[in-house]
Amino acid sequence: MKAAVYYETGPPSVFRYEEPPDPQCDSSAVLIDVQAISIEGGDVLNRAGGEMPSSPHIVGYQCAGKIREIGADVSDRQVGQAVVTIMPFGSHASLVAVPAGQTWLVPDGMDIRQAACVPIAFGTAHDCLFEFGHLEAGERVLIQAGAGGVGLAAIQLAKRHGATVLATASSDERLERLKEFGLDHGINYRTGDFVSRVRELTDGKGVNLVVDSVGSTLAGSIECTGYRGRIAHVGNAGRPDTTSVDTSKLSEQNRSLTGVFFGAEAVIQPQRVRPLVERLLSEVASGELRVVIDSEYPLSEAAAAHEHIESRQAFGRVILTP
C-alpha cells in the first residue's frame, strides 16, 4: 500500500510518501481500499507533536472506501460494500484494516468523499450541542471557528433545533458564506473583541452554550456565557496553554465546562454512537445536512494539505485521495 508517514513529529514537511507493508485483516476486521480521507483537527495536532505508537507512523482518524476483505467472524459486512470508518490512527493510507464494528455503510448514491467527512465532525458537533451541551430550542449558542468541519456541522444542527446561532470566523467573507447554513450573527475575531461583540448581540445576557474547538479562546468563551452558561470544549486547534484559564469565572455565574472527545464515546458507548452516526450519514445523503469540501489533495501531497489547514483559510473539510 501507499501511505503518508512520518518518523518524527513536526511541521507538515515531516511527511514522507512511502510504501509500508499492507495491514492484516484479522477475524473481526475488514480490509478497506481507501477512496477518501478526511483530515481531522486531531490529525494535524498529532503530526505537530502527538504520540507515535510506531515509527514510521501513519496518522489519521477517518476515511471511507470499499471493503476488499472480511474477517472470518464478520457476518454483517460484504466485500465490495462502501463504508466509512474511524480509528485511532492509520487513515492516511491507501489501505486500512479496522474492526468491522467501527464501520458504517455509506447510503446508496452518496458521494463517498462526503461520507468520509461525516462521523467525527457531525458526531462531535452533535455531542457538543446535545449530549453534553443540553441545547434547548430558543437558546443562544456560540460556535467558535464556524467555518471548520465541526463548526459547519454545529451551525446546521443548532439552527435546525431552533437555537439562535452566533459564530466566529477570520473574515467577513467567510461569515457571509455561513449564513446559508443557518448563521444568525457572525463575529470577525480579527477585527474586534469577540466577547464584547457577543455581549452586544445578546443585550448583555451572554449565550447559553459555547462550542469551543479552538482552545486558545477558552477564557473568552467562558466570559461569553451568561448565568448557568455551558461550555463544550473539544480539541485544541489553537494549541493553547489552557492551564492559564481562570476557572473561578465558572463558579461566579454557576457556569459549567465539559470536555468532549467523540472518539471515547464511540468506544465506550457504541450502542448510542452507532445509530447516531448512521442517522447523520442518512441526513447528509438526503441533503438535510450538508458537508462542505474545501479542497482535495492526492495522498502524496499530504504535507500541502496539512499546510493549507494550518493556514486557517479552509472553509469546510480538506480531503486526501489515494
Protein backbone atom coordinates (compact mmCIF):
# COMPACT_ATOMS: atom_id res chain seq x y z
CA MET A 1 0.00 0.00 0.00
CA LYS A 2 0.92 3.67 -0.23
CA ALA A 3 0.87 5.94 2.82
CA ALA A 4 1.86 9.37 4.09
CA VAL A 5 4.13 8.59 7.05
CA TYR A 6 6.47 10.42 9.39
CA TYR A 7 9.39 9.35 11.55
CA GLU A 8 9.20 12.33 13.89
CA THR A 9 6.57 14.92 14.70
CA GLY A 10 6.87 18.49 13.48
CA PRO A 11 5.75 20.73 10.59
CA PRO A 12 3.97 19.31 7.52
CA SER A 13 7.35 18.76 5.86
CA VAL A 14 7.92 15.69 8.10
CA PHE A 15 5.60 13.69 5.81
CA ARG A 16 7.14 11.06 3.55
CA TYR A 17 5.20 9.22 0.84
CA GLU A 18 6.21 5.59 1.18
CA GLU A 19 5.06 2.01 0.65
CA PRO A 20 4.79 0.30 4.07
CA PRO A 21 3.53 -3.30 4.41
CA ASP A 22 -0.18 -3.92 3.87
CA PRO A 23 -2.21 -4.21 7.08
CA GLN A 24 -3.50 -7.65 8.03
CA CYS A 25 -7.22 -8.41 8.28
CA ASP A 26 -7.90 -10.38 11.45
CA SER A 27 -11.03 -12.43 12.15
CA SER A 28 -13.13 -9.48 13.42
CA ALA A 29 -11.88 -6.89 10.94
CA VAL A 30 -12.46 -5.65 7.42
CA LEU A 31 -9.79 -4.56 4.94
CA ILE A 32 -10.74 -1.37 3.10
CA ASP A 33 -9.44 0.09 -0.15
CA VAL A 34 -9.43 3.75 0.82
CA GLN A 35 -11.01 6.22 -1.60
CA ALA A 36 -11.25 9.38 0.52
CA ILE A 37 -9.58 10.60 3.73
CA SER A 38 -10.98 13.46 5.79
CA ILE A 39 -8.18 15.29 7.61
CA GLU A 40 -9.32 15.93 11.17
CA GLY A 41 -8.05 18.56 13.57
CA GLY A 42 -6.55 15.85 15.74
CA ASP A 43 -4.55 14.58 12.76
CA VAL A 44 -2.86 17.95 12.42
CA LEU A 45 -2.16 18.18 16.15
CA ASN A 46 -0.74 14.65 16.26
CA ARG A 47 1.59 15.32 13.35
CA ALA A 48 2.76 18.53 15.02
CA GLY A 49 3.62 16.94 18.34
CA GLY A 50 1.47 13.98 19.36
CA GLU A 51 2.21 10.39 20.32
CA MET A 52 3.71 7.98 17.80
CA PRO A 53 2.76 4.36 18.56
CA SER A 54 5.16 3.23 15.84
CA SER A 55 7.87 4.56 13.55
CA PRO A 56 7.14 5.29 10.82
CA HIS A 57 3.73 6.49 11.96
CA ILE A 58 0.58 6.75 9.84
CA VAL A 59 -1.70 9.40 11.25
CA GLY A 60 -5.44 9.78 10.73
CA TYR A 61 -8.82 9.19 12.38
CA GLN A 62 -11.26 8.80 9.49
CA CYS A 63 -11.62 7.58 5.91
CA ALA A 64 -14.02 5.87 3.52
CA GLY A 65 -13.68 3.27 0.81
CA LYS A 66 -14.77 -0.18 -0.36
CA ILE A 67 -14.30 -3.43 1.50
CA ARG A 68 -11.70 -5.70 -0.08
CA GLU A 69 -11.71 -8.49 2.52
CA ILE A 70 -13.71 -9.51 5.60
CA GLY A 71 -12.55 -11.49 8.63
CA ALA A 72 -13.82 -14.99 9.36
CA ASP A 73 -16.03 -13.80 12.23
CA VAL A 74 -17.62 -10.88 10.37
CA SER A 75 -21.20 -11.55 9.31
CA ASP A 76 -22.70 -8.09 8.72
CA ARG A 77 -20.31 -6.80 6.05
CA GLN A 78 -19.63 -7.94 2.48
CA VAL A 79 -16.80 -7.50 0.02
CA GLY A 80 -17.49 -4.54 -2.25
CA GLN A 81 -19.60 -2.54 0.20
CA ALA A 82 -18.80 1.16 0.59
CA VAL A 83 -18.10 2.08 4.20
CA VAL A 84 -16.79 4.96 6.31
CA THR A 85 -14.66 4.20 9.34
CA ILE A 86 -13.00 5.85 12.32
CA MET A 87 -9.81 4.63 14.00
CA PRO A 88 -7.14 5.78 16.48
CA PHE A 89 -4.63 6.28 13.64
CA GLY A 90 -3.81 4.99 10.17
CA SER A 91 -6.21 6.74 7.78
CA HIS A 92 -3.52 8.50 5.68
CA ALA A 93 -3.06 5.37 3.59
CA SER A 94 -4.46 3.56 0.56
CA LEU A 95 -5.42 0.50 2.62
CA VAL A 96 -6.69 0.17 6.22
CA ALA A 97 -7.76 -2.74 8.41
CA VAL A 98 -10.26 -1.88 11.15
CA PRO A 99 -12.73 -3.75 13.39
CA ALA A 100 -15.96 -4.24 11.47
CA GLY A 101 -17.83 -2.57 14.34
CA GLN A 102 -16.01 0.68 13.61
CA THR A 103 -17.51 0.96 10.11
CA TRP A 104 -20.78 2.37 8.79
CA LEU A 105 -22.34 1.58 5.44
CA VAL A 106 -22.40 4.51 3.04
CA PRO A 107 -26.00 5.17 1.93
CA ASP A 108 -26.77 4.26 -1.68
CA GLY A 109 -25.94 7.08 -4.07
CA MET A 110 -23.97 9.11 -1.52
CA ASP A 111 -20.66 10.65 -2.64
CA ILE A 112 -18.03 8.65 -0.77
CA ARG A 113 -15.94 11.81 -0.32
CA GLN A 114 -18.79 13.37 1.63
CA ALA A 115 -19.31 10.19 3.65
CA ALA A 116 -15.64 10.33 4.65
CA CYS A 117 -16.28 13.67 6.36
CA VAL A 118 -19.34 12.79 8.45
CA PRO A 119 -18.79 10.65 11.59
CA ILE A 120 -16.26 12.69 13.57
CA ALA A 121 -17.28 16.23 12.57
CA PHE A 122 -21.04 15.75 12.78
CA GLY A 123 -20.86 13.32 15.70
CA THR A 124 -18.65 15.71 17.66
CA ALA A 125 -20.91 18.67 16.88
CA HIS A 126 -23.99 16.71 17.90
CA ASP A 127 -22.44 15.63 21.20
CA CYS A 128 -21.21 19.15 22.00
CA LEU A 129 -24.65 20.60 21.38
CA PHE A 130 -26.97 17.97 22.80
CA GLU A 131 -25.40 15.07 24.70
CA PHE A 132 -23.12 17.31 26.77
CA GLY A 133 -24.29 20.85 25.90
CA HIS A 134 -28.01 20.18 26.59
CA LEU A 135 -29.05 22.76 23.99
CA GLU A 136 -32.74 23.65 24.03
CA ALA A 137 -34.84 25.31 21.33
CA GLY A 138 -34.86 29.07 21.79
CA GLU A 139 -31.43 29.22 23.42
CA ARG A 140 -28.41 31.12 22.11
CA VAL A 141 -25.27 29.24 21.09
CA LEU A 142 -21.83 30.50 20.07
CA ILE A 143 -19.79 28.30 17.70
CA GLN A 144 -16.08 29.09 17.72
CA ALA A 145 -14.34 28.51 14.36
CA GLY A 146 -17.64 28.32 12.50
CA ALA A 147 -16.02 27.68 9.10
CA GLY A 148 -14.30 24.46 10.22
CA GLY A 149 -15.73 20.98 9.85
CA VAL A 150 -17.15 20.78 13.37
CA GLY A 151 -18.26 24.41 13.20
CA LEU A 152 -20.24 23.99 9.99
CA ALA A 153 -21.90 20.86 11.35
CA ALA A 154 -22.74 22.57 14.66
CA ILE A 155 -24.27 25.62 12.96
CA GLN A 156 -26.61 23.42 10.92
CA LEU A 157 -27.60 21.18 13.81
CA ALA A 158 -28.16 24.07 16.23
CA LYS A 159 -30.26 26.07 13.77
CA ARG A 160 -32.37 23.05 12.93
CA HIS A 161 -33.01 22.60 16.65
CA GLY A 162 -34.41 26.13 16.95
CA ALA A 163 -31.43 27.92 18.51
CA THR A 164 -30.14 31.41 17.74
CA VAL A 165 -26.69 30.79 16.27
CA LEU A 166 -23.65 33.01 16.65
CA ALA A 167 -20.26 32.04 15.22
CA THR A 168 -16.74 33.36 14.86
CA ALA A 169 -14.56 33.26 11.76
CA SER A 170 -11.49 35.06 10.42
CA SER A 171 -13.15 37.15 7.70
CA ASP A 172 -16.41 38.82 6.78
CA GLU A 173 -16.47 36.79 3.57
CA ARG A 174 -16.44 33.50 5.46
CA LEU A 175 -19.11 34.73 7.84
CA GLU A 176 -21.30 35.73 4.91
CA ARG A 177 -21.00 32.20 3.48
CA LEU A 178 -22.04 30.72 6.83
CA LYS A 179 -25.43 32.41 6.64
CA GLU A 180 -26.69 29.83 4.13
CA PHE A 181 -26.01 27.14 6.75
CA GLY A 182 -28.07 28.82 9.47
CA LEU A 183 -25.84 31.51 10.98
CA ASP A 184 -27.77 34.36 12.60
CA HIS A 185 -24.90 36.56 13.80
CA GLY A 186 -21.31 36.44 12.58
CA ILE A 187 -18.31 37.74 14.51
CA ASN A 188 -14.99 38.51 12.81
CA TYR A 189 -12.46 37.76 15.54
CA ARG A 190 -9.67 39.50 13.59
CA THR A 191 -11.33 42.91 13.62
CA GLY A 192 -12.64 43.12 17.17
CA ASP A 193 -13.10 41.56 20.58
CA PHE A 194 -15.47 38.61 20.21
CA VAL A 195 -16.51 38.68 23.88
CA SER A 196 -17.69 42.29 23.62
CA ARG A 197 -19.49 41.54 20.37
CA VAL A 198 -21.30 38.53 21.88
CA ARG A 199 -22.40 40.66 24.82
CA GLU A 200 -23.64 43.34 22.43
CA LEU A 201 -25.58 40.86 20.28
CA THR A 202 -27.24 39.30 23.34
CA ASP A 203 -28.13 42.57 25.10
CA GLY A 204 -25.54 41.83 27.75
CA LYS A 205 -27.04 38.45 28.70
CA GLY A 206 -24.47 36.22 27.02
CA VAL A 207 -25.13 32.92 25.29
CA ASN A 208 -26.43 29.73 26.88
CA LEU A 209 -23.83 27.47 25.27
CA VAL A 210 -20.44 27.76 23.57
CA VAL A 211 -18.90 25.07 21.37
CA ASP A 212 -15.15 25.75 21.51
CA SER A 213 -12.86 23.67 19.30
CA VAL A 214 -10.06 26.23 19.36
CA GLY A 215 -8.87 26.14 22.95
CA SER A 216 -6.94 29.41 22.89
CA THR A 217 -10.34 31.11 23.01
CA LEU A 218 -11.50 29.19 26.09
CA ALA A 219 -11.17 32.05 28.60
CA GLY A 220 -13.21 34.29 26.31
CA SER A 221 -15.74 31.54 25.66
CA ILE A 222 -16.41 31.32 29.40
CA GLU A 223 -16.99 35.07 29.56
CA CYS A 224 -19.40 34.86 26.62
CA THR A 225 -21.88 32.79 28.60
CA GLY A 226 -24.50 34.11 30.98
CA TYR A 227 -25.79 32.66 34.21
CA ARG A 228 -25.65 28.85 34.17
CA GLY A 229 -23.90 29.03 30.81
CA ARG A 230 -22.33 25.86 29.42
CA ILE A 231 -19.08 25.47 27.51
CA ALA A 232 -18.32 22.34 25.47
CA HIS A 233 -14.56 22.25 24.96
CA VAL A 234 -13.48 19.95 22.13
CA GLY A 235 -9.99 19.84 20.64
CA ASN A 236 -7.19 22.37 20.75
CA ALA A 237 -6.85 23.72 17.23
CA GLY A 238 -5.21 26.87 18.61
CA ARG A 239 -2.64 24.79 20.56
CA PRO A 240 -3.18 26.77 23.76
CA ASP A 241 -1.89 26.51 27.29
CA THR A 242 -5.29 26.07 28.94
CA THR A 243 -3.73 25.91 32.40
CA SER A 244 -3.88 29.71 32.43
CA VAL A 245 -7.70 29.75 32.25
CA ASP A 246 -9.24 31.26 35.40
CA THR A 247 -11.74 28.62 36.48
CA SER A 248 -13.15 30.92 39.16
CA LYS A 249 -15.09 32.54 36.32
CA LEU A 250 -17.14 29.35 36.19
CA SER A 251 -18.35 29.41 39.79
CA GLU A 252 -19.09 33.15 39.71
CA GLN A 253 -22.04 32.50 37.39
CA ASN A 254 -22.68 28.80 38.05
CA ARG A 255 -21.26 28.01 34.64
CA SER A 256 -20.15 24.53 33.59
CA LEU A 257 -17.24 23.45 31.42
CA THR A 258 -17.27 20.00 29.80
CA GLY A 259 -14.53 18.37 27.78
CA VAL A 260 -15.82 16.39 24.80
CA PHE A 261 -13.99 13.58 22.97
CA PHE A 262 -16.21 11.81 20.45
CA GLY A 263 -13.68 9.01 19.97
CA ALA A 264 -14.07 7.93 23.59
CA GLU A 265 -17.86 7.88 23.21
CA ALA A 266 -17.59 5.74 20.08
CA VAL A 267 -15.58 3.13 22.01
CA ILE A 268 -17.35 3.25 25.39
CA GLN A 269 -20.92 3.99 24.26
CA PRO A 270 -21.23 2.28 20.86
CA GLN A 271 -24.90 1.49 21.48
CA ARG A 272 -25.57 5.24 21.33
CA VAL A 273 -22.94 6.35 18.82
CA ARG A 274 -23.56 3.77 16.10
CA PRO A 275 -27.21 4.71 15.41
CA LEU A 276 -26.33 8.41 15.81
CA VAL A 277 -23.71 8.30 13.06
CA GLU A 278 -25.96 6.14 10.88
CA ARG A 279 -28.67 8.79 11.16
CA LEU A 280 -26.26 11.65 10.43
CA LEU A 281 -24.99 9.86 7.32
CA SER A 282 -28.57 9.43 6.15
CA GLU A 283 -29.34 13.10 6.73
CA VAL A 284 -26.29 14.20 4.75
CA ALA A 285 -27.15 11.76 1.97
CA SER A 286 -30.69 13.18 1.76
CA GLY A 287 -29.47 16.79 1.72
CA GLU A 288 -31.00 17.67 5.09
CA LEU A 289 -27.47 18.35 6.34
CA ARG A 290 -24.55 19.44 4.17
CA VAL A 291 -20.87 18.57 4.03
CA VAL A 292 -18.60 21.24 2.59
CA ILE A 293 -15.37 20.07 0.96
CA ASP A 294 -12.95 22.97 0.67
CA SER A 295 -10.23 21.21 -1.31
CA GLU A 296 -8.91 17.82 -2.36
CA TYR A 297 -5.27 16.71 -2.50
CA PRO A 298 -3.65 13.45 -3.60
CA LEU A 299 -2.31 11.39 -0.69
CA SER A 300 1.20 12.01 -1.98
CA GLU A 301 0.67 15.71 -1.18
CA ALA A 302 -0.39 15.26 2.44
CA ALA A 303 2.12 17.91 3.51
CA ALA A 304 0.49 20.53 1.28
CA ALA A 305 -2.96 19.57 2.56
CA HIS A 306 -1.87 19.96 6.18
CA GLU A 307 -0.22 23.28 5.34
CA HIS A 308 -3.49 24.50 3.86
CA ILE A 309 -5.40 23.57 7.01
CA GLU A 310 -2.84 25.32 9.20
CA SER A 311 -3.16 28.48 7.08
CA ARG A 312 -6.70 28.83 8.54
CA GLN A 313 -8.03 29.54 5.05
CA ALA A 314 -10.07 26.38 4.53
CA PHE A 315 -13.86 26.59 4.54
CA GLY A 316 -15.06 23.13 5.47
CA ARG A 317 -13.13 19.90 5.07
CA VAL A 318 -9.81 19.20 3.34
CA ILE A 319 -9.58 15.65 2.00
CA LEU A 320 -6.95 13.34 0.60
CA THR A 321 -7.44 10.75 -2.17
CA PRO A 322 -5.04 7.82 -2.66
